[in-house]
């Protein structure tokens, strides 16, 4: 089995539970296409218990499921799976998850006294790690080696500017799909309802691809109606696992698929409009820039791994490219090597804190060594004196941890200049 497909299946099994709790989810696969050598049921079981674990910790908030797969060396590939979350978590729920993962033994232990825990996965023998950064979020990781071969691929499919429309209800459901499609060369337009997309068709040419999430009973007949008389349109209804609508698969003119989509599915959408070949599949997958022709790159500076993972997931879900530094010194080096479009700067860090790093960056900008870019503070300490210190150090904005996705998006739009009108 192809590994990204296996990972996607695990995420599909967990997504309905996350949706019922109102959690915003983001799914990402980074790495080559890997053919697993007889994975059996145990690898899937190990991945599933980690993804489900982070969902069970939270009553509301944001969860990210990601995997980094390394190219095989002598027939074995190193995989690292992160299930990260931020939001409202009850201590009793966190402790129940730790017990289920066999990371703690004390039944009555206070999870706030367990900032880190380590163990092994009984299903895979891999390493399991739990990290609690308090208000900054939680991360459960599974890592290990798997027997795999890298699949050869001719080339990456390219939509070459073909138009895709996404109808996302609730908002954010198709964020990771939008990012992937942009990476594959699609021009993407989003709508908050199928009615809005239908109205837009009155004044615009039909897109090549239209994906709508299932929100109520109207989406399937609505997509079937829109597809009539438009032979160039590929209509897709995105549902969660177990949806009753899946029974209509064999009888509908609409392509009904289960979220999240795998990298291979998105490749196939793109190969459909790629004039070079109709069977192309991409070799590598990675987060895409926000815009087709201009990458918006954010440097996340934080010494806490949980904060790095959560911030990366939120920013990538919003469509930004992300690089990470662990302290102020690394931030200075990163900015001098490749200046970012924005810096999201933690304040309290070892080696060099965020205030001192911001002062150095502003000094380098004043003498012309670095181009100007905004710096936004990201810190758990919210007080007037802390905000004043950030402003005095030259920071342009301030976000309190744990970061709310909408607050982060609003701040990014506030401090970053608008993209050129030609790209709108």
Protein backbone atom coordinates (compact mmCIF):
# COMPACT_ATOMS: atom_id res chain seq x y z
CA UNK A 1 0.00 0.00 0.00
CA UNK A 2 1.12 3.57 -0.72
CA UNK A 3 1.92 5.26 2.60
CA UNK A 4 0.17 8.60 2.01
CA UNK A 5 -3.01 6.63 1.27
CA UNK A 6 -2.66 4.70 4.53
CA UNK A 7 -2.15 7.92 6.50
CA UNK A 8 -5.15 9.51 4.77
CA UNK A 9 -7.33 6.52 5.68
CA UNK A 10 -6.39 6.95 9.35
CA UNK A 11 -7.27 10.65 9.22
CA UNK A 12 -10.60 9.80 7.57
CA UNK A 13 -11.45 7.46 10.43
CA UNK A 14 -10.79 10.21 13.00
CA UNK A 15 -12.31 13.19 11.16
CA UNK A 16 -15.99 12.47 11.96
CA UNK A 17 -15.17 12.49 15.68
CA UNK A 18 -13.31 15.81 15.31
CA UNK A 19 -16.19 17.28 13.29
CA UNK A 20 -18.74 16.32 15.97
CA UNK A 21 -16.66 18.21 18.54
CA UNK A 22 -16.43 21.27 16.31
CA UNK A 23 -12.64 21.02 15.93
CA UNK A 24 -10.96 22.69 12.96
CA UNK A 25 -8.58 20.14 11.41
CA UNK A 26 -5.66 20.36 9.02
CA UNK A 27 -4.02 17.33 7.41
CA UNK A 28 -0.61 17.37 5.74
CA UNK A 29 1.70 14.77 4.20
CA UNK A 30 5.31 15.68 3.37
CA UNK A 31 7.65 13.29 1.65
CA UNK A 32 8.11 10.95 -1.31
CA UNK A 33 5.60 8.40 -2.51
CA UNK A 34 6.38 5.24 -0.56
CA UNK A 35 5.21 1.71 -1.26
CA UNK A 36 5.07 -0.10 2.07
CA UNK A 37 6.30 -3.66 2.33
CA UNK A 38 3.35 -5.51 3.92
CA UNK A 39 2.27 -2.93 6.54
CA UNK A 40 -0.43 -5.21 7.94
CA UNK A 41 -3.07 -3.80 10.30
CA UNK A 42 -0.65 -2.71 13.00
CA UNK A 43 0.80 0.43 11.41
CA UNK A 44 -2.67 1.79 10.73
CA UNK A 45 -3.70 0.98 14.30
CA UNK A 46 -0.68 2.82 15.68
CA UNK A 47 -1.33 5.93 13.59
CA UNK A 48 -5.05 5.90 14.40
CA UNK A 49 -4.55 5.78 18.17
CA UNK A 50 -2.23 8.82 18.03
CA UNK A 51 -4.58 10.92 15.86
CA UNK A 52 -7.61 9.95 17.92
CA UNK A 53 -5.68 10.70 21.10
CA UNK A 54 -5.17 14.38 20.29
CA UNK A 55 -8.82 14.78 19.25
CA UNK A 56 -10.00 13.22 22.52
CA UNK A 57 -7.93 15.75 24.48
CA UNK A 58 -9.84 18.79 23.22
CA UNK A 59 -13.38 20.10 23.60
CA UNK A 60 -12.82 22.84 21.02
CA UNK A 61 -9.98 24.37 19.04
CA UNK A 62 -7.61 23.37 16.25
CA UNK A 63 -5.94 20.03 15.49
CA UNK A 64 -3.24 19.25 12.94
CA UNK A 65 -2.34 15.78 11.68
CA UNK A 66 0.97 15.72 9.81
CA UNK A 67 3.55 13.20 8.71
CA UNK A 68 7.12 13.65 7.53
CA UNK A 69 8.45 10.70 5.55
CA UNK A 70 12.12 10.46 4.62
CA UNK A 71 13.34 8.84 1.39
CA UNK A 72 14.21 5.18 2.00
CA UNK A 73 17.77 4.18 2.84
CA UNK A 74 18.55 0.50 2.31
CA UNK A 75 14.85 -0.24 2.06
CA UNK A 76 13.74 1.55 5.23
CA UNK A 77 12.14 4.97 5.63
CA UNK A 78 11.96 7.08 8.78
CA UNK A 79 8.48 8.44 9.46
CA UNK A 80 7.43 10.98 12.09
CA UNK A 81 3.74 11.59 12.72
CA UNK A 82 2.60 14.61 14.72
CA UNK A 83 -0.88 15.07 16.13
CA UNK A 84 -0.94 18.58 17.58
CA UNK A 85 -3.71 20.65 19.04
CA UNK A 86 -4.51 23.91 20.73
CA UNK A 87 -7.72 25.05 22.38
CA UNK A 88 -9.82 23.96 25.35
CA UNK A 89 -8.61 20.70 26.91
CA UNK A 90 -9.87 19.15 30.15
CA UNK A 91 -7.18 17.62 32.43
CA UNK A 92 -9.26 14.48 32.96
CA UNK A 93 -9.54 13.94 29.20
CA UNK A 94 -5.80 14.41 28.73
CA UNK A 95 -5.04 11.93 31.51
CA UNK A 96 -7.42 9.38 30.00
CA UNK A 97 -5.56 9.64 26.69
CA UNK A 98 -2.16 9.26 28.39
CA UNK A 99 -3.39 6.14 30.16
CA UNK A 100 -4.81 4.73 26.94
CA UNK A 101 -1.46 5.34 25.22
CA UNK A 102 0.28 3.65 28.17
CA UNK A 103 2.38 6.73 28.86
CA UNK A 104 1.41 7.07 32.54
CA UNK A 105 0.53 4.58 35.24
CA UNK A 106 -0.94 6.70 38.05
CA UNK A 107 -4.69 6.67 37.64
CA UNK A 108 -5.19 9.79 39.74
CA UNK A 109 -2.17 11.73 38.48
CA UNK A 110 -2.61 15.38 37.52
CA UNK A 111 -1.75 15.78 33.80
CA UNK A 112 -0.53 19.30 34.52
CA UNK A 113 2.35 17.64 36.37
CA UNK A 114 3.22 15.56 33.28
CA UNK A 115 4.75 18.07 30.82
CA UNK A 116 6.40 15.24 28.87
CA UNK A 117 5.93 11.50 28.63
CA UNK A 118 7.57 8.81 26.54
CA UNK A 119 6.73 5.24 25.66
CA UNK A 120 6.46 2.72 22.86
CA UNK A 121 3.56 1.91 20.59
CA UNK A 122 2.34 -1.66 21.21
CA UNK A 123 1.03 -1.86 17.64
CA UNK A 124 4.20 -0.81 15.80
CA UNK A 125 7.03 -0.79 18.35
CA UNK A 126 7.65 2.85 17.41
CA UNK A 127 8.42 5.67 19.81
CA UNK A 128 5.53 7.68 21.26
CA UNK A 129 6.08 11.11 22.79
CA UNK A 130 3.65 13.44 24.56
CA UNK A 131 4.45 17.11 25.19
CA UNK A 132 2.22 19.52 27.11
CA UNK A 133 3.15 23.19 26.72
CA UNK A 134 0.25 24.42 28.82
CA UNK A 135 -1.70 27.16 27.10
CA UNK A 136 0.40 26.69 23.98
CA UNK A 137 -1.04 23.27 23.19
CA UNK A 138 -0.36 19.54 23.15
CA UNK A 139 1.52 17.25 20.78
CA UNK A 140 1.48 13.47 20.50
CA UNK A 141 4.12 12.05 18.16
CA UNK A 142 4.77 8.60 16.73
CA UNK A 143 8.10 7.88 15.05
CA UNK A 144 9.80 4.81 13.67
CA UNK A 145 11.23 3.06 10.63
CA UNK A 146 9.13 1.20 8.07
CA UNK A 147 10.13 -1.11 5.24
CA UNK A 148 9.36 0.80 2.06
CA UNK A 149 10.40 1.51 -1.51
CA UNK A 150 10.21 4.91 -3.20
CA UNK A 151 7.87 4.80 -6.18
CA UNK A 152 9.25 6.21 -9.45
CA UNK A 153 7.29 9.09 -11.00
CA UNK A 154 7.69 10.69 -14.41
CA UNK A 155 6.76 14.25 -13.46
CA UNK A 156 4.55 16.38 -11.25
CA UNK A 157 1.17 17.22 -12.81
CA UNK A 158 0.53 20.90 -13.42
CA UNK A 159 -2.92 22.46 -13.72
CA UNK A 160 -1.29 25.41 -15.54
CA UNK A 161 -3.79 27.93 -14.24
CA UNK A 162 -6.96 25.85 -14.58
CA UNK A 163 -9.73 27.16 -12.32
CA UNK A 164 -11.05 25.31 -9.27
CA UNK A 165 -13.94 26.48 -7.10
CA UNK A 166 -14.23 25.38 -3.47
CA UNK A 167 -17.43 25.63 -1.43
CA UNK A 168 -16.51 25.16 2.21
CA UNK A 169 -19.05 24.77 5.03
CA UNK A 170 -18.12 25.17 7.81
CA UNK A 171 -15.34 27.62 7.02
CA UNK A 172 -11.85 26.12 6.99
CA UNK A 173 -12.93 22.60 6.03
CA UNK A 174 -11.15 22.73 2.67
CA UNK A 175 -8.13 24.85 3.69
CA UNK A 176 -5.62 22.05 3.17
CA UNK A 177 -7.24 21.16 -0.17
CA UNK A 178 -6.90 24.77 -1.31
CA UNK A 179 -3.21 24.83 -0.38
CA UNK A 180 -2.49 21.61 -2.27
CA UNK A 181 -4.38 22.71 -5.36
CA UNK A 182 -2.50 26.01 -5.48
CA UNK A 183 0.75 24.08 -5.26
CA UNK A 184 -0.31 22.01 -8.25
CA UNK A 185 -0.94 25.10 -10.36
CA UNK A 186 -4.67 25.68 -9.88
CA UNK A 187 -6.29 29.09 -9.63
CA UNK A 188 -8.61 28.68 -6.65
CA UNK A 189 -11.71 30.68 -5.78
CA UNK A 190 -13.63 29.99 -2.57
CA UNK A 191 -17.32 30.38 -1.72
CA UNK A 192 -19.21 30.06 1.54
CA UNK A 193 -22.26 28.42 -0.05
CA UNK A 194 -23.27 26.52 -3.16
CA UNK A 195 -25.82 29.23 -3.90
CA UNK A 196 -23.01 31.80 -4.06
CA UNK A 197 -21.08 29.60 -6.50
CA UNK A 198 -24.19 29.11 -8.62
CA UNK A 199 -24.76 32.86 -8.73
CA UNK A 200 -21.14 33.41 -9.81
CA UNK A 201 -21.69 31.08 -12.78
CA UNK A 202 -24.10 33.63 -14.20
CA UNK A 203 -21.18 35.99 -14.90
CA UNK A 204 -18.16 33.68 -15.10
CA UNK A 205 -16.94 30.76 -17.15
CA UNK A 206 -17.40 27.31 -15.67
CA UNK A 207 -14.43 26.08 -13.60
CA UNK A 208 -12.70 22.81 -14.42
CA UNK A 209 -13.16 21.53 -10.87
CA UNK A 210 -15.83 22.30 -8.27
CA UNK A 211 -15.51 20.79 -4.79
CA UNK A 212 -18.23 21.33 -2.19
CA UNK A 213 -18.38 20.00 1.35
CA UNK A 214 -21.49 18.26 2.58
CA UNK A 215 -23.30 20.54 5.02
CA UNK A 216 -26.95 19.56 4.60
CA UNK A 217 -29.04 17.58 2.14
CA UNK A 218 -28.93 20.21 -0.61
CA UNK A 219 -25.33 19.90 -1.82
CA UNK A 220 -25.67 16.70 -3.86
CA UNK A 221 -28.73 17.75 -5.92
CA UNK A 222 -27.24 21.24 -6.21
CA UNK A 223 -24.00 19.90 -7.68
CA UNK A 224 -25.91 17.59 -10.02
CA UNK A 225 -27.88 20.59 -11.25
CA UNK A 226 -24.75 22.69 -11.77
CA UNK A 227 -23.02 19.90 -13.70
CA UNK A 228 -25.84 19.61 -16.23
CA UNK A 229 -24.80 21.08 -19.57
CA UNK A 230 -21.22 21.66 -18.40
CA UNK A 231 -19.20 18.70 -19.72
CA UNK A 232 -15.88 20.32 -18.78
CA UNK A 233 -16.80 20.59 -15.08
CA UNK A 234 -15.68 17.90 -12.61
CA UNK A 235 -18.14 18.15 -9.66
CA UNK A 236 -16.95 16.67 -6.35
CA UNK A 237 -18.89 16.34 -3.10
CA UNK A 238 -16.57 16.02 -0.09
CA UNK A 239 -18.11 14.05 2.79
CA UNK A 240 -16.87 12.58 6.05
CA UNK A 241 -16.49 8.86 6.59
CA UNK A 242 -19.80 7.15 7.30
CA UNK A 243 -21.96 9.76 5.57
CA UNK A 244 -25.25 8.28 4.26
CA UNK A 245 -24.63 10.17 1.02
CA UNK A 246 -21.95 7.61 0.13
CA UNK A 247 -24.79 5.24 -0.79
CA UNK A 248 -25.50 7.45 -3.82
CA UNK A 249 -22.01 6.98 -5.26
CA UNK A 250 -23.02 4.55 -8.01
CA UNK A 251 -26.09 6.48 -9.11
CA UNK A 252 -24.96 10.12 -9.07
CA UNK A 253 -23.22 12.16 -11.76
CA UNK A 254 -21.26 13.80 -8.94
CA UNK A 255 -17.94 12.35 -7.76
CA UNK A 256 -18.50 11.68 -4.03
CA UNK A 257 -15.25 11.42 -2.06
CA UNK A 258 -14.31 11.14 1.61
CA UNK A 259 -12.30 13.85 3.38
CA UNK A 260 -9.43 14.37 3.74
CA UNK A 261 -8.27 13.92 0.16
CA UNK A 262 -4.98 12.11 -0.29
CA UNK A 263 -2.09 13.59 -2.29
CA UNK A 264 -2.79 10.99 -4.99
CA UNK A 265 -6.41 12.11 -5.34
CA UNK A 266 -5.38 15.73 -5.79
CA UNK A 267 -2.79 14.63 -8.34
CA UNK A 268 -5.53 12.86 -10.27
CA UNK A 269 -7.71 15.97 -10.28
CA UNK A 270 -4.75 17.85 -11.72
CA UNK A 271 -3.77 15.16 -14.22
CA UNK A 272 -7.29 15.50 -15.65
CA UNK A 273 -6.46 19.02 -16.88
CA UNK A 274 -2.73 18.47 -17.49
CA UNK A 275 -2.32 18.45 -21.27
CA UNK A 276 1.02 16.63 -21.08
CA UNK A 277 -0.39 13.39 -19.67
CA UNK A 278 -3.55 12.04 -18.12
CA UNK A 279 -1.81 9.66 -15.72
CA UNK A 280 0.78 11.87 -14.03
CA UNK A 281 1.39 11.47 -10.31
CA UNK A 282 3.62 13.74 -8.24
CA UNK A 283 6.74 12.48 -6.54
CA UNK A 284 6.90 14.87 -3.60
CA UNK A 285 4.28 16.74 -1.61
CA UNK A 286 4.85 19.80 0.54
CA UNK A 287 2.97 22.87 1.76
CA UNK A 288 2.35 25.42 -0.96
CA UNK A 289 2.71 29.20 -0.91
CA UNK A 290 -0.36 31.35 -0.42
CA UNK A 291 -0.25 32.68 -3.97
CA UNK A 292 0.59 31.00 -7.24
CA UNK A 293 3.44 33.31 -8.22
CA UNK A 294 4.52 34.84 -4.93
CA UNK A 295 5.36 32.87 -1.82
CA UNK A 296 4.45 34.49 1.49
CA UNK A 297 7.03 33.16 3.91
CA UNK A 298 6.68 33.42 7.70
CA UNK A 299 9.54 32.77 10.11
CA UNK A 300 8.28 31.24 13.38
CA UNK A 301 10.72 31.86 16.23
CA UNK A 302 9.99 29.76 19.33
CA UNK A 303 12.05 27.51 21.58
CA UNK A 304 9.11 25.20 22.34
CA UNK A 305 8.54 22.33 19.89
CA UNK A 306 4.80 22.24 20.58
CA UNK A 307 4.49 25.93 19.74
CA UNK A 308 6.50 25.39 16.55
CA UNK A 309 4.28 22.53 15.40
CA UNK A 310 1.01 24.30 16.21
CA UNK A 311 2.10 27.61 14.66
CA UNK A 312 3.34 25.81 11.55
CA UNK A 313 0.03 23.97 11.22
CA UNK A 314 -2.06 27.11 11.65
CA UNK A 315 0.03 29.15 9.21
CA UNK A 316 0.10 26.39 6.59
CA UNK A 317 -3.66 25.97 6.99
CA UNK A 318 -3.92 29.68 6.18
CA UNK A 319 -1.74 29.15 3.11
CA UNK A 320 1.66 30.45 4.20
CA UNK A 321 5.08 28.89 3.77
CA UNK A 322 6.79 28.39 7.14
CA UNK A 323 10.36 28.20 8.40
CA UNK A 324 11.30 27.74 12.05
CA UNK A 325 14.01 29.05 14.37
CA UNK A 326 14.47 28.00 18.01
CA UNK A 327 15.91 31.24 19.44
CA UNK A 328 16.90 34.79 18.58
CA UNK A 329 20.34 33.86 17.24
CA UNK A 330 18.84 31.32 14.83
CA UNK A 331 16.27 33.93 13.81
CA UNK A 332 18.99 36.45 12.91
CA UNK A 333 20.87 33.83 10.89
CA UNK A 334 17.70 32.76 9.08
CA UNK A 335 16.71 36.33 8.22
CA UNK A 336 20.18 37.12 6.89
CA UNK A 337 20.23 33.94 4.78
CA UNK A 338 16.70 34.39 3.36
CA UNK A 339 14.63 37.36 4.59
CA UNK A 340 11.02 36.33 5.33
CA UNK A 341 7.85 38.26 4.59
CA UNK A 342 7.02 38.29 8.30
CA UNK A 343 8.41 37.08 11.64
CA UNK A 344 6.20 35.55 14.35
CA UNK A 345 8.40 36.04 17.40
CA UNK A 346 8.15 34.43 20.82
CA UNK A 347 9.31 36.78 23.58
CA UNK A 348 10.73 34.49 26.29
CA UNK A 349 13.50 32.30 24.85
CA UNK A 350 16.97 31.17 25.94
CA UNK A 351 20.21 32.29 24.23
CA UNK A 352 18.56 35.48 22.88
CA UNK A 353 14.98 36.48 23.67
CA UNK A 354 12.48 37.91 21.23
CA UNK A 355 12.85 41.52 22.36
CA UNK A 356 16.61 41.57 21.81
CA UNK A 357 16.29 39.70 18.51
CA UNK A 358 13.72 42.24 17.27
CA UNK A 359 16.01 45.13 18.19
CA UNK A 360 18.87 43.53 16.23
CA UNK A 361 16.63 42.92 13.21
CA UNK A 362 15.41 46.52 13.20
CA UNK A 363 19.02 47.75 13.45
CA UNK A 364 20.00 45.63 10.43
CA UNK A 365 17.02 47.01 8.52
CA UNK A 366 17.96 50.61 9.36
CA UNK A 367 21.42 50.21 7.80
CA UNK A 368 20.05 48.40 4.75
CA UNK A 369 21.44 44.93 5.51
CA UNK A 370 17.91 43.50 5.64
CA UNK A 371 14.74 44.56 3.81
CA UNK A 372 11.81 45.74 5.92
CA UNK A 373 9.33 43.12 7.15
CA UNK A 374 6.83 43.08 10.03
CA UNK A 375 7.53 41.38 13.36
CA UNK A 376 4.58 40.16 15.44
CA UNK A 377 5.01 39.06 19.05
CA UNK A 378 3.60 35.70 20.14
CA UNK A 379 3.62 35.24 23.90
CA UNK A 380 1.66 33.74 26.77
CA UNK A 381 2.20 36.81 28.95
CA UNK A 382 -0.45 39.43 28.19
CA UNK A 383 0.00 42.69 30.07
CA UNK A 384 0.31 46.39 29.27
CA UNK A 385 3.98 46.38 30.27
CA UNK A 386 4.69 43.40 28.01
CA UNK A 387 2.94 45.06 25.08
CA UNK A 388 4.88 48.28 25.68
CA UNK A 389 8.16 46.33 25.73
CA UNK A 390 7.29 44.69 22.42
CA UNK A 391 6.46 48.03 20.80
CA UNK A 392 9.68 49.56 22.15
CA UNK A 393 11.67 46.66 20.62
CA UNK A 394 10.18 47.48 17.22
CA UNK A 395 7.44 44.86 16.95
CA UNK A 396 4.41 45.65 14.80
CA UNK A 397 1.79 43.53 16.53
CA UNK A 398 1.00 41.26 19.44
CA UNK A 399 -0.75 37.87 19.67
CA UNK A 400 -1.53 36.04 22.89
CA UNK A 401 -1.02 32.28 23.23
CA UNK A 402 -2.74 30.01 22.59
CA UNK A 403 -3.26 31.70 19.24
CA UNK A 404 -6.77 31.79 17.85
CA UNK A 405 -6.82 30.94 14.13
CA UNK A 406 -9.03 33.90 13.22
CA UNK A 407 -6.95 36.33 15.30
CA UNK A 408 -3.80 35.06 13.58
CA UNK A 409 -5.38 35.43 10.13
CA UNK A 410 -6.58 38.95 10.93
CA UNK A 411 -3.13 40.00 12.14
CA UNK A 412 -1.42 38.56 9.06
CA UNK A 413 -3.77 40.46 6.77
CA UNK A 414 -3.21 43.62 8.82
CA UNK A 415 0.59 43.67 8.80
CA UNK A 416 1.36 42.09 5.41
CA UNK A 417 0.92 44.26 2.32
CA UNK A 418 -1.81 43.24 -0.10
CA UNK A 419 -0.71 41.13 -3.03
CA UNK A 420 -0.57 42.80 -6.44
CA UNK A 421 -3.94 43.22 -8.16
CA UNK A 422 -2.77 41.04 -11.06
CA UNK A 423 -2.87 38.04 -8.73
CA UNK A 424 -6.33 38.70 -7.34
